[in-house]
Amino acid sequence: MTLVQAMRRHPPVISPEATIRSAARQMASHATSLLPVVADRRIVGTLSAFDLVVRSLGGGLDPGRRTVRAVMRPDPQTCRPEDSIPEVRARMRALRVATLPVVEDNGELVGLVDLFDVEDAADDGSAAGPEPDFVKRVRGDPL
């Protein structure tokens, strides 16, 4: 499986000018812990649930007035659509991040990939050992 096949296309995004409150609501409604911050179709930062809690609420910022730009992480770590699954896995481990935006060379966001996507793509099905004979019989495969 390739990264393009494993990634989630059309992830929810947020504008740097949106309020922190609207970002929190969007995270909740999409059940995500990371929002790419996009301006003019290019990624300009990321906003994590950690950023929301520590940088905004912990920093005493008014979530209804302050914008995402005030708490986002500019210059996000990313990967490219042509990167291999092992490369992305190694990058995530080195950076100690669970999610990476997937971007084209021009900075345009094309998807998001997380550790679960990477592990699922890397799993060749052999981790549990050989397939039991009864599974083959149920499917009607020759033994």
C-alpha atoms as a PDB file:
ATOM      1  CA  MET A   1       0.000   0.000   0.000  1.00  0.00           C
ATOM      2  CA  THR A   2       1.233   3.518  -0.779  1.00  0.00           C
ATOM      3  CA  LEU A   3       0.964   6.637   1.351  1.00  0.00           C
ATOM      4  CA  VAL A   4      -1.615   8.088  -1.043  1.00  0.00           C
ATOM      5  CA  GLN A   5      -3.772   5.002  -0.502  1.00  0.00           C
ATOM      6  CA  ALA A   6      -3.312   5.107   3.272  1.00  0.00           C
ATOM      7  CA  MET A   7      -3.878   8.821   3.892  1.00  0.00           C
ATOM      8  CA  ARG A   8      -7.203  10.464   4.608  1.00  0.00           C
ATOM      9  CA  ARG A   9      -8.135  12.811   1.790  1.00  0.00           C
ATOM     10  CA  HIS A  10     -10.073  16.030   2.344  1.00  0.00           C
ATOM     11  CA  PRO A  11      -9.341  16.348   6.066  1.00  0.00           C
ATOM     12  CA  PRO A  12     -11.059  19.113   8.019  1.00  0.00           C
ATOM     13  CA  VAL A  13      -9.008  22.313   7.960  1.00  0.00           C
ATOM     14  CA  ILE A  14      -9.188  25.673   9.700  1.00  0.00           C
ATOM     15  CA  SER A  15      -8.249  29.217   8.709  1.00  0.00           C
ATOM     16  CA  PRO A  16      -5.610  31.072  10.731  1.00  0.00           C
ATOM     17  CA  GLU A  17      -8.214  33.821  11.220  1.00  0.00           C
ATOM     18  CA  ALA A  18     -10.827  31.509  12.790  1.00  0.00           C
ATOM     19  CA  THR A  19     -11.386  31.783  16.523  1.00  0.00           C
ATOM     20  CA  ILE A  20      -9.920  29.276  18.921  1.00  0.00           C
ATOM     21  CA  ARG A  21     -13.469  28.365  19.979  1.00  0.00           C
ATOM     22  CA  SER A  22     -14.480  27.513  16.404  1.00  0.00           C
ATOM     23  CA  ALA A  23     -11.352  25.370  16.053  1.00  0.00           C
ATOM     24  CA  ALA A  24     -12.236  23.455  19.226  1.00  0.00           C
ATOM     25  CA  ARG A  25     -15.766  22.910  17.954  1.00  0.00           C
ATOM     26  CA  GLN A  26     -14.473  21.688  14.611  1.00  0.00           C
ATOM     27  CA  MET A  27     -12.089  19.252  16.304  1.00  0.00           C
ATOM     28  CA  ALA A  28     -14.965  17.916  18.378  1.00  0.00           C
ATOM     29  CA  SER A  29     -17.364  17.576  15.456  1.00  0.00           C
ATOM     30  CA  HIS A  30     -14.773  15.731  13.340  1.00  0.00           C
ATOM     31  CA  ALA A  31     -13.334  13.705  16.248  1.00  0.00           C
ATOM     32  CA  THR A  32      -9.800  14.767  15.379  1.00  0.00           C
ATOM     33  CA  SER A  33      -6.917  15.974  17.506  1.00  0.00           C
ATOM     34  CA  LEU A  34      -5.113  17.903  14.762  1.00  0.00           C
ATOM     35  CA  LEU A  35      -6.313  20.496  12.271  1.00  0.00           C
ATOM     36  CA  PRO A  36      -4.159  21.685   9.401  1.00  0.00           C
ATOM     37  CA  VAL A  37      -4.234  25.479   9.248  1.00  0.00           C
ATOM     38  CA  VAL A  38      -4.733  26.477   5.624  1.00  0.00           C
ATOM     39  CA  ALA A  39      -4.624  29.835   3.830  1.00  0.00           C
ATOM     40  CA  ASP A  40      -4.945  30.133   0.056  1.00  0.00           C
ATOM     41  CA  ARG A  41      -4.975  26.311  -0.257  1.00  0.00           C
ATOM     42  CA  ARG A  42      -1.518  26.079   1.336  1.00  0.00           C
ATOM     43  CA  ILE A  43      -0.730  24.734   4.778  1.00  0.00           C
ATOM     44  CA  VAL A  44       0.603  27.484   7.039  1.00  0.00           C
ATOM     45  CA  GLY A  45       0.512  25.631  10.351  1.00  0.00           C
ATOM     46  CA  THR A  46      -1.108  22.974  12.471  1.00  0.00           C
ATOM     47  CA  LEU A  47      -3.307  23.183  15.521  1.00  0.00           C
ATOM     48  CA  SER A  48      -3.424  20.280  17.952  1.00  0.00           C
ATOM     49  CA  ALA A  49      -5.705  19.614  20.874  1.00  0.00           C
ATOM     50  CA  PHE A  50      -2.614  20.079  23.046  1.00  0.00           C
ATOM     51  CA  ASP A  51      -2.097  23.555  21.539  1.00  0.00           C
ATOM     52  CA  LEU A  52      -5.705  24.432  22.313  1.00  0.00           C
ATOM     53  CA  VAL A  53      -5.461  23.422  25.944  1.00  0.00           C
ATOM     54  CA  VAL A  54      -1.952  24.544  26.836  1.00  0.00           C
ATOM     55  CA  ARG A  55      -1.425  27.589  24.642  1.00  0.00           C
ATOM     56  CA  SER A  56      -4.914  29.073  24.733  1.00  0.00           C
ATOM     57  CA  LEU A  57      -6.754  27.990  27.857  1.00  0.00           C
ATOM     58  CA  GLY A  58      -3.572  27.543  29.879  1.00  0.00           C
ATOM     59  CA  GLY A  59      -2.310  30.865  28.578  1.00  0.00           C
ATOM     60  CA  GLY A  60      -5.465  32.697  29.613  1.00  0.00           C
ATOM     61  CA  LEU A  61      -6.503  33.597  26.059  1.00  0.00           C
ATOM     62  CA  ASP A  62     -10.157  34.301  25.311  1.00  0.00           C
ATOM     63  CA  PRO A  63     -11.180  31.495  22.902  1.00  0.00           C
ATOM     64  CA  GLY A  64     -14.009  33.586  21.486  1.00  0.00           C
ATOM     65  CA  ARG A  65     -11.753  36.490  20.544  1.00  0.00           C
ATOM     66  CA  ARG A  66      -8.286  35.107  19.871  1.00  0.00           C
ATOM     67  CA  THR A  67      -7.515  33.499  16.556  1.00  0.00           C
ATOM     68  CA  VAL A  68      -5.943  30.215  15.593  1.00  0.00           C
ATOM     69  CA  ARG A  69      -2.882  32.151  14.388  1.00  0.00           C
ATOM     70  CA  ALA A  70      -2.087  33.017  18.033  1.00  0.00           C
ATOM     71  CA  VAL A  71      -1.758  29.372  19.113  1.00  0.00           C
ATOM     72  CA  MET A  72      -0.993  27.354  15.955  1.00  0.00           C
ATOM     73  CA  ARG A  73       2.390  25.849  15.228  1.00  0.00           C
ATOM     74  CA  PRO A  74       3.797  27.576  12.137  1.00  0.00           C
ATOM     75  CA  ASP A  75       6.064  25.726   9.707  1.00  0.00           C
ATOM     76  CA  PRO A  76       4.519  22.308  10.309  1.00  0.00           C
ATOM     77  CA  GLN A  77       6.328  19.036   9.849  1.00  0.00           C
ATOM     78  CA  THR A  78       4.886  17.311   6.783  1.00  0.00           C
ATOM     79  CA  CYS A  79       5.398  14.436   4.379  1.00  0.00           C
ATOM     80  CA  ARG A  80       4.968  14.139   0.603  1.00  0.00           C
ATOM     81  CA  PRO A  81       2.555  11.897  -1.324  1.00  0.00           C
ATOM     82  CA  GLU A  82       5.484  10.033  -2.890  1.00  0.00           C
ATOM     83  CA  ASP A  83       7.065   9.161   0.490  1.00  0.00           C
ATOM     84  CA  SER A  84       7.079   5.480   1.342  1.00  0.00           C
ATOM     85  CA  ILE A  85       5.235   4.056   4.327  1.00  0.00           C
ATOM     86  CA  PRO A  86       8.514   3.095   6.074  1.00  0.00           C
ATOM     87  CA  GLU A  87       9.868   6.628   5.516  1.00  0.00           C
ATOM     88  CA  VAL A  88       6.740   8.190   7.009  1.00  0.00           C
ATOM     89  CA  ARG A  89       6.777   5.791   9.952  1.00  0.00           C
ATOM     90  CA  ALA A  90      10.436   6.620  10.665  1.00  0.00           C
ATOM     91  CA  ARG A  91       9.729  10.359  10.363  1.00  0.00           C
ATOM     92  CA  MET A  92       6.815  10.152  12.796  1.00  0.00           C
ATOM     93  CA  ARG A  93       8.936   8.249  15.296  1.00  0.00           C
ATOM     94  CA  ALA A  94      11.847  10.665  14.962  1.00  0.00           C
ATOM     95  CA  LEU A  95       9.566  13.669  15.410  1.00  0.00           C
ATOM     96  CA  ARG A  96       7.457  11.926  18.082  1.00  0.00           C
ATOM     97  CA  VAL A  97       4.221  12.931  16.364  1.00  0.00           C
ATOM     98  CA  ALA A  98       1.101  10.890  15.738  1.00  0.00           C
ATOM     99  CA  THR A  99      -0.183  12.761  12.672  1.00  0.00           C
ATOM    100  CA  LEU A 100       1.458  14.364   9.652  1.00  0.00           C
ATOM    101  CA  PRO A 101      -0.093  16.501   6.944  1.00  0.00           C
ATOM    102  CA  VAL A 102       0.599  15.232   3.427  1.00  0.00           C
ATOM    103  CA  VAL A 103       1.487  18.117   1.108  1.00  0.00           C
ATOM    104  CA  GLU A 104       2.507  18.656  -2.485  1.00  0.00           C
ATOM    105  CA  ASP A 105       5.766  20.455  -3.314  1.00  0.00           C
ATOM    106  CA  ASN A 106       3.847  23.735  -3.642  1.00  0.00           C
ATOM    107  CA  GLY A 107       2.555  23.452  -0.050  1.00  0.00           C
ATOM    108  CA  GLU A 108      -0.969  22.411  -1.000  1.00  0.00           C
ATOM    109  CA  LEU A 109      -2.536  20.033   1.512  1.00  0.00           C
ATOM    110  CA  VAL A 110      -3.665  16.733  -0.029  1.00  0.00           C
ATOM    111  CA  GLY A 111      -4.359  14.681   3.082  1.00  0.00           C
ATOM    112  CA  LEU A 112      -3.507  13.630   6.619  1.00  0.00           C
ATOM    113  CA  VAL A 113      -1.865  10.435   7.776  1.00  0.00           C
ATOM    114  CA  ASP A 114      -1.669   9.159  11.342  1.00  0.00           C
ATOM    115  CA  LEU A 115       0.109   6.299  13.054  1.00  0.00           C
ATOM    116  CA  PHE A 116      -2.919   4.041  12.685  1.00  0.00           C
ATOM    117  CA  ASP A 117      -3.006   4.646   8.918  1.00  0.00           C
ATOM    118  CA  VAL A 118       0.727   3.962   8.673  1.00  0.00           C
ATOM    119  CA  GLU A 119       0.595   0.810  10.774  1.00  0.00           C
ATOM    120  CA  ASP A 120      -2.428  -0.509   8.862  1.00  0.00           C
ATOM    121  CA  ALA A 121      -0.646   0.137   5.562  1.00  0.00           C
ATOM    122  CA  ALA A 122       2.551  -1.517   6.768  1.00  0.00           C
ATOM    123  CA  ASP A 123       0.737  -4.572   8.154  1.00  0.00           C
ATOM    124  CA  ASP A 124       1.120  -7.447   5.741  1.00  0.00           C
ATOM    125  CA  GLY A 125      -1.180  -9.665   7.789  1.00  0.00           C
ATOM    126  CA  SER A 126       1.598 -11.948   8.968  1.00  0.00           C
ATOM    127  CA  ALA A 127       1.934 -10.549  12.483  1.00  0.00           C
ATOM    128  CA  ALA A 128      -0.524 -13.092  13.856  1.00  0.00           C
ATOM    129  CA  GLY A 129       1.199 -15.989  12.160  1.00  0.00           C
ATOM    130  CA  PRO A 130      -0.039 -18.209   9.362  1.00  0.00           C
ATOM    131  CA  GLU A 131      -3.723 -18.273   8.558  1.00  0.00           C
ATOM    132  CA  PRO A 132      -5.452 -21.171  10.340  1.00  0.00           C
ATOM    133  CA  ASP A 133      -6.818 -24.028   8.224  1.00  0.00           C
ATOM    134  CA  PHE A 134     -10.376 -23.489   9.499  1.00  0.00           C
ATOM    135  CA  VAL A 135     -10.370 -19.961   8.020  1.00  0.00           C
ATOM    136  CA  LYS A 136      -9.335 -21.391   4.666  1.00  0.00           C
ATOM    137  CA  ARG A 137     -12.102 -24.038   4.887  1.00  0.00           C
ATOM    138  CA  VAL A 138     -14.751 -21.418   5.701  1.00  0.00           C
ATOM    139  CA  ARG A 139     -13.693 -19.381   2.668  1.00  0.00           C
ATOM    140  CA  GLY A 140     -13.572 -22.503   0.522  1.00  0.00           C
ATOM    141  CA  ASP A 141      -9.854 -22.174  -0.225  1.00  0.00           C
ATOM    142  CA  PRO A 142      -7.814 -25.330  -0.898  1.00  0.00           C
ATOM    143  CA  LEU A 143      -5.781 -26.526   2.105  1.00  0.00           C
END
